[in-house]
C-alpha cells in the first residue's frame, strides 16, 4: 500500500512517462529502497526533496503536496 508520498511520486512518474527504476537512478538508490520508502517501510530521506523538486521543476503548490 502506498503512502501519500508514494502516491504523489507514482502520479509524477506516470505524468512524466518514467518508471520506478528511472527515479531510483535519479535519487541514487536501489529500486527496493525506493519501493520501501513509497510503501512507508522506510522514512523519506531529507535530501530527496531537493532532488525531486529539481528533477520535476515543482512549483511551491506541488511542493506542498509532496509531504
PDB file of N, CA and C in Angstrom:
ATOM      1  N   UNK A   1       0.842  -1.176   0.000  1.00  0.00           N
ATOM      2  CA  UNK A   1       0.000   0.000   0.000  1.00  0.00           C
ATOM      3  C   UNK A   1       0.892   1.245   0.000  1.00  0.00           C
ATOM      4  N   UNK A   2       0.616   2.154  -0.883  1.00  0.00           N
ATOM      5  CA  UNK A   2       1.402   3.377  -0.990  1.00  0.00           C
ATOM      6  C   UNK A   2       1.031   4.359   0.103  1.00  0.00           C
ATOM      7  N   UNK A   3       2.013   5.139   0.530  1.00  0.00           N
ATOM      8  CA  UNK A   3       1.777   6.263   1.428  1.00  0.00           C
ATOM      9  C   UNK A   3       1.356   7.448   0.563  1.00  0.00           C
ATOM     10  N   UNK A   4       1.006   8.553   1.214  1.00  0.00           N
ATOM     11  CA  UNK A   4       0.682   9.768   0.450  1.00  0.00           C
ATOM     12  C   UNK A   4       1.871  10.180  -0.412  1.00  0.00           C
ATOM     13  N   UNK A   5       3.070  10.066   0.168  1.00  0.00           N
ATOM     14  CA  UNK A   5       4.277  10.367  -0.593  1.00  0.00           C
ATOM     15  C   UNK A   5       4.392   9.426  -1.788  1.00  0.00           C
ATOM     16  N   UNK A   6       4.177   8.143  -1.559  1.00  0.00           N
ATOM     17  CA  UNK A   6       4.262   7.153  -2.623  1.00  0.00           C
ATOM     18  C   UNK A   6       3.261   7.402  -3.732  1.00  0.00           C
ATOM     19  N   UNK A   7       2.040   7.755  -3.354  1.00  0.00           N
ATOM     20  CA  UNK A   7       1.006   8.057  -4.350  1.00  0.00           C
ATOM     21  C   UNK A   7       1.412   9.267  -5.180  1.00  0.00           C
ATOM     22  N   UNK A   8       1.920  10.294  -4.503  1.00  0.00           N
ATOM     23  CA  UNK A   8       2.334  11.506  -5.197  1.00  0.00           C
ATOM     24  C   UNK A   8       3.450  11.206  -6.185  1.00  0.00           C
ATOM     25  N   UNK A   9       4.434  10.427  -5.739  1.00  0.00           N
ATOM     26  CA  UNK A   9       5.547  10.068  -6.617  1.00  0.00           C
ATOM     27  C   UNK A   9       5.073   9.237  -7.800  1.00  0.00           C
ATOM     28  N   UNK A  10       4.160   8.329  -7.572  1.00  0.00           N
ATOM     29  CA  UNK A  10       3.638   7.495  -8.662  1.00  0.00           C
ATOM     30  C   UNK A  10       2.951   8.364  -9.722  1.00  0.00           C
ATOM     31  N   UNK A  11       2.156   9.325  -9.278  1.00  0.00           N
ATOM     32  CA  UNK A  11       1.486  10.238 -10.212  1.00  0.00           C
ATOM     33  C   UNK A  11       2.521  11.030 -11.013  1.00  0.00           C
ATOM     34  N   UNK A  12       3.553  11.540 -10.340  1.00  0.00           N
ATOM     35  CA  UNK A  12       4.607  12.276 -11.056  1.00  0.00           C
ATOM     36  C   UNK A  12       5.290  11.394 -12.090  1.00  0.00           C
ATOM     37  N   UNK A  13       5.615  10.159 -11.694  1.00  0.00           N
ATOM     38  CA  UNK A  13       6.286   9.239 -12.633  1.00  0.00           C
ATOM     39  C   UNK A  13       5.425   8.995 -13.865  1.00  0.00           C
ATOM     40  N   UNK A  14       4.167   8.702 -13.643  1.00  0.00           N
ATOM     41  CA  UNK A  14       3.266   8.411 -14.766  1.00  0.00           C
ATOM     42  C   UNK A  14       3.123   9.646 -15.662  1.00  0.00           C
ATOM     43  N   UNK A  15       2.944  10.791 -15.040  1.00  0.00           N
ATOM     44  CA  UNK A  15       2.791  12.040 -15.797  1.00  0.00           C
ATOM     45  C   UNK A  15       4.008  12.321 -16.677  1.00  0.00           C
ATOM     46  N   UNK A  16       5.189  11.937 -16.188  1.00  0.00           N
ATOM     47  CA  UNK A  16       6.426  12.194 -16.925  1.00  0.00           C
ATOM     48  C   UNK A  16       6.951  10.961 -17.670  1.00  0.00           C
ATOM     49  N   UNK A  17       6.115   9.933 -17.785  1.00  0.00           N
ATOM     50  CA  UNK A  17       6.457   8.717 -18.531  1.00  0.00           C
ATOM     51  C   UNK A  17       7.745   8.066 -18.030  1.00  0.00           C
ATOM     52  N   UNK A  18       7.864   7.990 -16.705  1.00  0.00           N
ATOM     53  CA  UNK A  18       9.035   7.375 -16.091  1.00  0.00           C
ATOM     54  C   UNK A  18       8.606   6.129 -15.314  1.00  0.00           C
ATOM     55  N   UNK A  19       9.572   5.263 -15.078  1.00  0.00           N
ATOM     56  CA  UNK A  19       9.323   4.077 -14.270  1.00  0.00           C
ATOM     57  C   UNK A  19      10.111   4.201 -12.966  1.00  0.00           C
ATOM     58  N   UNK A  20       9.803   3.329 -12.011  1.00  0.00           N
ATOM     59  CA  UNK A  20      10.467   3.405 -10.711  1.00  0.00           C
ATOM     60  C   UNK A  20      11.988   3.349 -10.841  1.00  0.00           C
ATOM     61  N   UNK A  21      12.484   2.561 -11.760  1.00  0.00           N
ATOM     62  CA  UNK A  21      13.929   2.455 -11.964  1.00  0.00           C
ATOM     63  C   UNK A  21      14.552   3.780 -12.342  1.00  0.00           C
ATOM     64  N   UNK A  22      13.843   4.565 -13.144  1.00  0.00           N
ATOM     65  CA  UNK A  22      14.342   5.892 -13.533  1.00  0.00           C
ATOM     66  C   UNK A  22      14.504   6.785 -12.309  1.00  0.00           C
ATOM     67  N   UNK A  23      13.511   6.755 -11.441  1.00  0.00           N
ATOM     68  CA  UNK A  23      13.541   7.604 -10.257  1.00  0.00           C
ATOM     69  C   UNK A  23      14.585   7.109  -9.263  1.00  0.00           C
ATOM     70  N   UNK A  24      14.685   5.806  -9.113  1.00  0.00           N
ATOM     71  CA  UNK A  24      15.708   5.248  -8.222  1.00  0.00           C
ATOM     72  C   UNK A  24      17.095   5.693  -8.689  1.00  0.00           C
ATOM     73  N   UNK A  25      17.346   5.637  -9.983  1.00  0.00           N
ATOM     74  CA  UNK A  25      18.641   6.092 -10.522  1.00  0.00           C
ATOM     75  C   UNK A  25      18.863   7.575 -10.245  1.00  0.00           C
ATOM     76  N   UNK A  26      17.826   8.380 -10.469  1.00  0.00           N
ATOM     77  CA  UNK A  26      17.930   9.820 -10.257  1.00  0.00           C
ATOM     78  C   UNK A  26      18.230  10.133  -8.789  1.00  0.00           C
ATOM     79  N   UNK A  27      17.639   9.355  -7.879  1.00  0.00           N
ATOM     80  CA  UNK A  27      17.837   9.577  -6.449  1.00  0.00           C
ATOM     81  C   UNK A  27      19.097   8.899  -5.921  1.00  0.00           C
ATOM     82  N   UNK A  28      19.693   8.039  -6.728  1.00  0.00           N
ATOM     83  CA  UNK A  28      20.909   7.346  -6.318  1.00  0.00           C
ATOM     84  C   UNK A  28      20.671   6.241  -5.301  1.00  0.00           C
ATOM     85  N   UNK A  29      19.524   5.564  -5.423  1.00  0.00           N
ATOM     86  CA  UNK A  29      19.180   4.480  -4.502  1.00  0.00           C
ATOM     87  C   UNK A  29      18.753   3.254  -5.298  1.00  0.00           C
ATOM     88  N   UNK A  30      18.628   2.148  -4.602  1.00  0.00           N
ATOM     89  CA  UNK A  30      18.170   0.917  -5.253  1.00  0.00           C
ATOM     90  C   UNK A  30      16.644   0.961  -5.413  1.00  0.00           C
ATOM     91  N   UNK A  31      16.165   0.196  -6.351  1.00  0.00           N
ATOM     92  CA  UNK A  31      14.727   0.097  -6.574  1.00  0.00           C
ATOM     93  C   UNK A  31      14.003  -0.433  -5.337  1.00  0.00           C
ATOM     94  N   UNK A  32      14.524  -1.470  -4.656  1.00  0.00           N
ATOM     95  CA  UNK A  32      13.842  -1.930  -3.436  1.00  0.00           C
ATOM     96  C   UNK A  32      13.773  -0.858  -2.339  1.00  0.00           C
ATOM     97  N   UNK A  33      14.816  -0.027  -2.227  1.00  0.00           N
ATOM     98  CA  UNK A  33      14.786   1.036  -1.219  1.00  0.00           C
ATOM     99  C   UNK A  33      13.720   2.060  -1.562  1.00  0.00           C
ATOM    100  N   UNK A  34      13.646   2.466  -2.816  1.00  0.00           N
ATOM    101  CA  UNK A  34      12.621   3.410  -3.249  1.00  0.00           C
ATOM    102  C   UNK A  34      11.245   2.839  -2.980  1.00  0.00           C
ATOM    103  N   UNK A  35      11.044   1.587  -3.299  1.00  0.00           N
ATOM    104  CA  UNK A  35       9.762   0.935  -3.063  1.00  0.00           C
ATOM    105  C   UNK A  35       9.415   0.931  -1.577  1.00  0.00           C
ATOM    106  N   UNK A  36      10.397   0.651  -0.733  1.00  0.00           N
ATOM    107  CA  UNK A  36      10.169   0.629   0.716  1.00  0.00           C
ATOM    108  C   UNK A  36       9.764   2.006   1.229  1.00  0.00           C
ATOM    109  N   UNK A  37      10.377   3.060   0.696  1.00  0.00           N
ATOM    110  CA  UNK A  37      10.024   4.425   1.098  1.00  0.00           C
ATOM    111  C   UNK A  37       8.596   4.728   0.650  1.00  0.00           C
ATOM    112  N   UNK A  38       8.270   4.404  -0.579  1.00  0.00           N
ATOM    113  CA  UNK A  38       6.934   4.694  -1.089  1.00  0.00           C
ATOM    114  C   UNK A  38       5.856   3.911  -0.356  1.00  0.00           C
ATOM    115  N   UNK A  39       6.206   2.760   0.155  1.00  0.00           N
ATOM    116  CA  UNK A  39       5.239   1.935   0.883  1.00  0.00           C
ATOM    117  C   UNK A  39       5.246   2.193   2.376  1.00  0.00           C
ATOM    118  N   UNK A  40       6.034   3.161   2.836  1.00  0.00           N
ATOM    119  CA  UNK A  40       6.039   3.543   4.233  1.00  0.00           C
ATOM    120  C   UNK A  40       6.877   2.657   5.133  1.00  0.00           C
ATOM    121  N   UNK A  41       7.664   1.774   4.551  1.00  0.00           N
ATOM    122  CA  UNK A  41       8.509   0.894   5.352  1.00  0.00           C
ATOM    123  C   UNK A  41       9.831   1.562   5.731  1.00  0.00           C
ATOM    124  N   UNK A  42      10.164   2.625   5.039  1.00  0.00           N
ATOM    125  CA  UNK A  42      11.364   3.432   5.323  1.00  0.00           C
ATOM    126  C   UNK A  42      10.954   4.897   5.291  1.00  0.00           C
ATOM    127  N   UNK A  43      11.676   5.724   6.027  1.00  0.00           N
ATOM    128  CA  UNK A  43      11.419   7.163   6.018  1.00  0.00           C
ATOM    129  C   UNK A  43      11.965   7.791   4.741  1.00  0.00           C
ATOM    130  N   UNK A  44      11.347   8.880   4.342  1.00  0.00           N
ATOM    131  CA  UNK A  44      11.800   9.621   3.161  1.00  0.00           C
ATOM    132  C   UNK A  44      13.091  10.349   3.527  1.00  0.00           C
ATOM    133  N   UNK A  45      14.196  10.044   2.853  1.00  0.00           N
ATOM    134  CA  UNK A  45      15.457  10.761   3.137  1.00  0.00           C
ATOM    135  C   UNK A  45      15.311  12.260   2.858  1.00  0.00           C
ATOM    136  N   UNK A  46      15.875  13.066   3.733  1.00  0.00           N
ATOM    137  CA  UNK A  46      15.744  14.525   3.640  1.00  0.00           C
ATOM    138  C   UNK A  46      16.271  15.083   2.322  1.00  0.00           C
ATOM    139  N   UNK A  47      17.329  14.489   1.776  1.00  0.00           N
ATOM    140  CA  UNK A  47      17.921  15.036   0.549  1.00  0.00           C
ATOM    141  C   UNK A  47      17.087  14.755  -0.695  1.00  0.00           C
ATOM    142  N   UNK A  48      16.077  13.924  -0.570  1.00  0.00           N
ATOM    143  CA  UNK A  48      15.229  13.634  -1.720  1.00  0.00           C
ATOM    144  C   UNK A  48      14.396  14.834  -2.141  1.00  0.00           C
ATOM    145  N   UNK A  49      14.008  15.667  -1.200  1.00  0.00           N
ATOM    146  CA  UNK A  49      13.127  16.794  -1.517  1.00  0.00           C
ATOM    147  C   UNK A  49      13.749  17.674  -2.589  1.00  0.00           C
ATOM    148  N   UNK A  50      14.977  18.101  -2.383  1.00  0.00           N
ATOM    149  CA  UNK A  50      15.633  18.968  -3.372  1.00  0.00           C
ATOM    150  C   UNK A  50      15.791  18.269  -4.716  1.00  0.00           C
ATOM    151  N   UNK A  51      16.133  16.992  -4.688  1.00  0.00           N
ATOM    152  CA  UNK A  51      16.312  16.240  -5.933  1.00  0.00           C
ATOM    153  C   UNK A  51      15.001  16.125  -6.699  1.00  0.00           C
ATOM    154  N   UNK A  52      13.912  15.852  -5.985  1.00  0.00           N
ATOM    155  CA  UNK A  52      12.603  15.694  -6.627  1.00  0.00           C
ATOM    156  C   UNK A  52      12.114  17.029  -7.168  1.00  0.00           C
ATOM    157  N   UNK A  53      12.249  18.080  -6.372  1.00  0.00           N
ATOM    158  CA  UNK A  53      11.827  19.419  -6.804  1.00  0.00           C
ATOM    159  C   UNK A  53      12.591  19.827  -8.054  1.00  0.00           C
ATOM    160  N   UNK A  54      13.887  19.599  -8.063  1.00  0.00           N
ATOM    161  CA  UNK A  54      14.717  19.965  -9.209  1.00  0.00           C
ATOM    162  C   UNK A  54      14.385  19.112 -10.436  1.00  0.00           C
ATOM    163  N   UNK A  55      14.275  17.815 -10.242  1.00  0.00           N
ATOM    164  CA  UNK A  55      14.025  16.900 -11.357  1.00  0.00           C
ATOM    165  C   UNK A  55      12.695  17.207 -12.049  1.00  0.00           C
ATOM    166  N   UNK A  56      11.665  17.463 -11.258  1.00  0.00           N
ATOM    167  CA  UNK A  56      10.332  17.708 -11.818  1.00  0.00           C
ATOM    168  C   UNK A  56       9.992  19.185 -11.934  1.00  0.00           C
ATOM    169  N   UNK A  57      10.916  20.062 -11.515  1.00  0.00           N
ATOM    170  CA  UNK A  57      10.677  21.503 -11.562  1.00  0.00           C
ATOM    171  C   UNK A  57       9.338  21.849 -10.900  1.00  0.00           C
ATOM    172  N   UNK A  58       9.172  21.378  -9.660  1.00  0.00           N
ATOM    173  CA  UNK A  58       7.907  21.539  -8.955  1.00  0.00           C
ATOM    174  C   UNK A  58       7.697  22.970  -8.482  1.00  0.00           C
ATOM    175  N   UNK A  59       6.471  23.431  -8.633  1.00  0.00           N
ATOM    176  CA  UNK A  59       6.095  24.743  -8.114  1.00  0.00           C
ATOM    177  C   UNK A  59       5.857  24.626  -6.608  1.00  0.00           C
ATOM    178  N   UNK A  60       5.809  25.762  -5.908  1.00  0.00           N
ATOM    179  CA  UNK A  60       5.516  25.706  -4.469  1.00  0.00           C
ATOM    180  C   UNK A  60       4.208  24.982  -4.156  1.00  0.00           C
ATOM    181  N   UNK A  61       3.224  25.104  -5.033  1.00  0.00           N
ATOM    182  CA  UNK A  61       1.942  24.415  -4.832  1.00  0.00           C
ATOM    183  C   UNK A  61       2.156  22.907  -4.791  1.00  0.00           C
ATOM    184  N   UNK A  62       2.868  22.356  -5.759  1.00  0.00           N
ATOM    185  CA  UNK A  62       3.101  20.918  -5.789  1.00  0.00           C
ATOM    186  C   UNK A  62       4.076  20.480  -4.702  1.00  0.00           C
ATOM    187  N   UNK A  63       4.999  21.355  -4.349  1.00  0.00           N
ATOM    188  CA  UNK A  63       5.917  21.046  -3.274  1.00  0.00           C
ATOM    189  C   UNK A  63       5.156  20.830  -1.968  1.00  0.00           C
ATOM    190  N   UNK A  64       4.136  21.636  -1.741  1.00  0.00           N
ATOM    191  CA  UNK A  64       3.346  21.480  -0.531  1.00  0.00           C
ATOM    192  C   UNK A  64       2.602  20.155  -0.511  1.00  0.00           C
ATOM    193  N   UNK A  65       2.307  19.583  -1.663  1.00  0.00           N
ATOM    194  CA  UNK A  65       1.624  18.297  -1.745  1.00  0.00           C
ATOM    195  C   UNK A  65       2.591  17.117  -1.609  1.00  0.00           C
ATOM    196  N   UNK A  66       3.879  17.392  -1.757  1.00  0.00           N
ATOM    197  CA  UNK A  66       4.873  16.334  -1.663  1.00  0.00           C
ATOM    198  C   UNK A  66       4.865  15.699  -0.290  1.00  0.00           C
ATOM    199  N   UNK A  67       4.638  16.488   0.738  1.00  0.00           N
ATOM    200  CA  UNK A  67       4.569  15.973   2.102  1.00  0.00           C
ATOM    201  C   UNK A  67       3.278  16.372   2.719  1.00  0.00           C
TER     202      UNK A  67
END
